[in-house]
C-alpha atoms as a PDB file:
ATOM      1  CA  GLN A   1     118.423 198.607  -3.993  1.00  0.00           C
ATOM      2  CA  LEU A   2     118.598 196.198  -6.457  1.00  0.00           C
ATOM      3  CA  GLN A   3     121.951 194.683  -8.382  1.00  0.00           C
ATOM      4  CA  ALA A   4     121.366 191.925 -10.753  1.00  0.00           C
ATOM      5  CA  SER A   5     124.585 190.351 -11.892  1.00  0.00           C
ATOM      6  CA  GLY A   6     125.830 186.493 -13.456  1.00  0.00           C
ATOM      7  CA  GLY A   7     125.157 187.332 -17.046  1.00  0.00           C
ATOM      8  CA  GLY A   8     127.585 186.487 -19.942  1.00  0.00           C
ATOM      9  CA  THR A   9     128.121 184.980 -23.375  1.00  0.00           C
ATOM     10  CA  VAL A  10     126.809 181.691 -23.574  1.00  0.00           C
ATOM     11  CA  GLN A  11     126.530 179.283 -26.570  1.00  0.00           C
ATOM     12  CA  ALA A  12     122.954 177.948 -27.397  1.00  0.00           C
ATOM     13  CA  GLY A  13     121.748 175.421 -25.068  1.00  0.00           C
ATOM     14  CA  GLY A  14     124.425 176.238 -21.909  1.00  0.00           C
ATOM     15  CA  SER A  15     123.623 177.771 -18.853  1.00  0.00           C
ATOM     16  CA  LEU A  16     123.843 180.706 -16.533  1.00  0.00           C
ATOM     17  CA  ARG A  17     122.733 181.385 -12.989  1.00  0.00           C
ATOM     18  CA  LEU A  18     121.909 185.103 -12.221  1.00  0.00           C
ATOM     19  CA  THR A  19     122.033 186.581  -8.825  1.00  0.00           C
ATOM     20  CA  CYS A  20     120.020 189.842  -7.593  1.00  0.00           C
ATOM     21  CA  ALA A  21     120.898 191.373  -4.341  1.00  0.00           C
ATOM     22  CA  ALA A  22     117.394 193.137  -3.104  1.00  0.00           C
ATOM     23  CA  SER A  23     117.071 195.788   0.057  1.00  0.00           C
ATOM     24  CA  ARG A  24     114.897 194.577   2.827  1.00  0.00           C
ATOM     25  CA  ILE A  25     112.551 197.020   1.726  1.00  0.00           C
ATOM     26  CA  VAL A  26     111.896 195.590  -1.838  1.00  0.00           C
ATOM     27  CA  PHE A  27     112.285 191.815  -0.875  1.00  0.00           C
ATOM     28  CA  GLY A  28     109.193 192.897   1.618  1.00  0.00           C
ATOM     29  CA  VAL A  29     106.751 193.719  -0.721  1.00  0.00           C
ATOM     30  CA  GLY A  30     106.208 190.084  -1.268  1.00  0.00           C
ATOM     31  CA  ASP A  31     106.236 188.450  -4.999  1.00  0.00           C
ATOM     32  CA  MET A  32     109.764 189.277  -6.931  1.00  0.00           C
ATOM     33  CA  ALA A  33     110.208 188.557 -10.163  1.00  0.00           C
ATOM     34  CA  TRP A  34     112.859 188.637 -13.109  1.00  0.00           C
ATOM     35  CA  TYR A  35     112.473 190.871 -16.042  1.00  0.00           C
ATOM     36  CA  ARG A  36     114.174 190.757 -19.142  1.00  0.00           C
ATOM     37  CA  GLN A  37     113.985 192.938 -22.530  1.00  0.00           C
ATOM     38  CA  ALA A  38     115.370 192.454 -25.499  1.00  0.00           C
ATOM     39  CA  PRO A  39     116.610 195.148 -27.722  1.00  0.00           C
ATOM     40  CA  GLY A  40     113.626 196.708 -29.363  1.00  0.00           C
ATOM     41  CA  GLU A  41     111.251 194.962 -27.112  1.00  0.00           C
ATOM     42  CA  GLN A  42     109.346 195.835 -24.410  1.00  0.00           C
ATOM     43  CA  ARG A  43     110.469 194.630 -20.709  1.00  0.00           C
ATOM     44  CA  GLU A  44     108.574 191.254 -19.621  1.00  0.00           C
ATOM     45  CA  VAL A  45     108.060 188.899 -16.919  1.00  0.00           C
ATOM     46  CA  VAL A  46     110.462 185.909 -16.829  1.00  0.00           C
ATOM     47  CA  ALA A  47     109.834 184.199 -13.791  1.00  0.00           C
ATOM     48  CA  ARG A  48     107.906 184.911 -10.221  1.00  0.00           C
ATOM     49  CA  VAL A  49     108.038 183.599  -7.260  1.00  0.00           C
ATOM     50  CA  THR A  50     105.407 184.148  -4.511  1.00  0.00           C
ATOM     51  CA  SER A  51     105.925 185.166  -1.067  1.00  0.00           C
ATOM     52  CA  ASP A  52     105.107 181.750   0.170  1.00  0.00           C
ATOM     53  CA  GLY A  53     107.123 180.053  -2.739  1.00  0.00           C
ATOM     54  CA  ILE A  54     104.702 179.614  -5.716  1.00  0.00           C
ATOM     55  CA  LEU A  55     106.671 179.731  -8.599  1.00  0.00           C
ATOM     56  CA  ILE A  56     105.169 181.092 -12.076  1.00  0.00           C
ATOM     57  CA  TYR A  57     107.169 181.258 -15.666  1.00  0.00           C
ATOM     58  CA  ALA A  58     106.598 182.414 -18.966  1.00  0.00           C
ATOM     59  CA  ASP A  59     105.872 179.920 -21.442  1.00  0.00           C
ATOM     60  CA  THR A  60     108.796 180.614 -23.210  1.00  0.00           C
ATOM     61  CA  VAL A  61     111.184 179.534 -20.390  1.00  0.00           C
ATOM     62  CA  LYS A  62     109.054 176.767 -18.726  1.00  0.00           C
ATOM     63  CA  GLY A  63     110.874 173.614 -17.910  1.00  0.00           C
ATOM     64  CA  ARG A  64     114.270 175.222 -18.994  1.00  0.00           C
ATOM     65  CA  PHE A  65     114.414 178.321 -16.115  1.00  0.00           C
ATOM     66  CA  THR A  66     114.090 177.844 -12.256  1.00  0.00           C
ATOM     67  CA  ILE A  67     113.444 180.977  -9.681  1.00  0.00           C
ATOM     68  CA  SER A  68     114.272 180.846  -6.235  1.00  0.00           C
ATOM     69  CA  ARG A  69     114.312 183.006  -3.395  1.00  0.00           C
ATOM     70  CA  ASP A  70     116.567 183.578  -0.108  1.00  0.00           C
ATOM     71  CA  ASN A  71     114.497 185.422   2.032  1.00  0.00           C
ATOM     72  CA  ALA A  72     117.222 185.460   5.449  1.00  0.00           C
ATOM     73  CA  ARG A  73     119.561 187.160   2.750  1.00  0.00           C
ATOM     74  CA  ASN A  74     117.273 189.247   0.650  1.00  0.00           C
ATOM     75  CA  ARG A  75     118.420 187.423  -2.347  1.00  0.00           C
ATOM     76  CA  LEU A  76     116.551 186.156  -5.863  1.00  0.00           C
ATOM     77  CA  TYR A  77     118.324 183.727  -8.109  1.00  0.00           C
ATOM     78  CA  LEU A  78     117.794 182.272 -11.515  1.00  0.00           C
ATOM     79  CA  GLN A  79     119.111 179.319 -13.119  1.00  0.00           C
ATOM     80  CA  MET A  80     118.961 179.217 -16.699  1.00  0.00           C
ATOM     81  CA  ASN A  81     119.711 175.995 -18.575  1.00  0.00           C
ATOM     82  CA  GLY A  82     118.832 175.259 -22.258  1.00  0.00           C
ATOM     83  CA  LEU A  83     119.575 178.845 -23.469  1.00  0.00           C
ATOM     84  CA  LYS A  84     118.220 179.930 -26.889  1.00  0.00           C
ATOM     85  CA  PRO A  85     119.753 182.944 -29.001  1.00  0.00           C
ATOM     86  CA  GLU A  86     116.247 184.354 -28.075  1.00  0.00           C
ATOM     87  CA  ASP A  87     116.771 184.300 -24.322  1.00  0.00           C
ATOM     88  CA  THR A  88     119.427 187.205 -25.267  1.00  0.00           C
ATOM     89  CA  ALA A  89     118.426 190.142 -22.891  1.00  0.00           C
ATOM     90  CA  ILE A  90     119.055 192.587 -20.430  1.00  0.00           C
ATOM     91  CA  TYR A  91     117.828 190.818 -17.096  1.00  0.00           C
ATOM     92  CA  TYR A  92     116.520 192.471 -14.099  1.00  0.00           C
ATOM     93  CA  CYS A  93     115.161 191.582 -10.581  1.00  0.00           C
ATOM     94  CA  ASN A  94     112.517 193.471  -8.881  1.00  0.00           C
ATOM     95  CA  ALA A  95     109.185 193.043  -7.095  1.00  0.00           C
ATOM     96  CA  PHE A  96     106.185 191.938  -8.834  1.00  0.00           C
ATOM     97  CA  TYR A  97     103.195 194.089  -8.115  1.00  0.00           C
ATOM     98  CA  GLN A  98      99.887 192.653  -9.385  1.00  0.00           C
ATOM     99  CA  MET A  99      98.130 196.111 -10.324  1.00  0.00           C
ATOM    100  CA  GLY A 100     101.246 197.541 -13.014  1.00  0.00           C
ATOM    101  CA  PRO A 101     104.718 197.055 -13.433  1.00  0.00           C
ATOM    102  CA  PRO A 102     107.041 198.572 -10.519  1.00  0.00           C
ATOM    103  CA  PRO A 103     107.869 202.173 -10.491  1.00  0.00           C
ATOM    104  CA  ASN A 104     110.255 203.387 -12.836  1.00  0.00           C
ATOM    105  CA  ASP A 105     112.797 204.677 -10.546  1.00  0.00           C
ATOM    106  CA  SER A 106     112.968 201.464  -9.105  1.00  0.00           C
ATOM    107  CA  TRP A 107     114.664 199.622 -11.320  1.00  0.00           C
ATOM    108  CA  GLY A 108     118.337 198.588 -10.645  1.00  0.00           C
ATOM    109  CA  GLN A 109     121.324 197.556 -13.045  1.00  0.00           C
ATOM    110  CA  GLY A 110     120.281 194.763 -15.244  1.00  0.00           C
ATOM    111  CA  THR A 111     122.985 191.655 -16.321  1.00  0.00           C
ATOM    112  CA  LEU A 112     123.194 191.457 -19.974  1.00  0.00           C
ATOM    113  CA  VAL A 113     122.847 187.714 -21.424  1.00  0.00           C
ATOM    114  CA  THR A 114     123.939 186.679 -24.848  1.00  0.00           C
ATOM    115  CA  VAL A 115     123.414 183.647 -26.386  1.00  0.00           C
ATOM    116  CA  SER A 116     125.097 182.758 -29.408  1.00  0.00           C
ATOM    117  CA  SER A 117     123.577 180.135 -32.130  1.00  0.00           C
END
């Protein structure tokens, strides 16, 4: 139901664009988000877009990342500019729930982003 793609290895300062293909059921939840999990760290929300288009970013990526959604195609995107080594992580897309993290069995395959210094 969730497939993220577009990751790769880039040098610091480079850019990547991630794409997420989601099922209509997942997209229909409303808010969608990009998450990431670095080695040894917990999964965190990187950026969120609400059903009515409000964009919310983690402080660590604000001004560098841009999230967008295509409701007609059930696609979620993350444009990442000015990448830093600390952005290295596996990136996932999923619905965003106000009451807590998405269900454990809802996660699809993430895409690995590696930023070299």
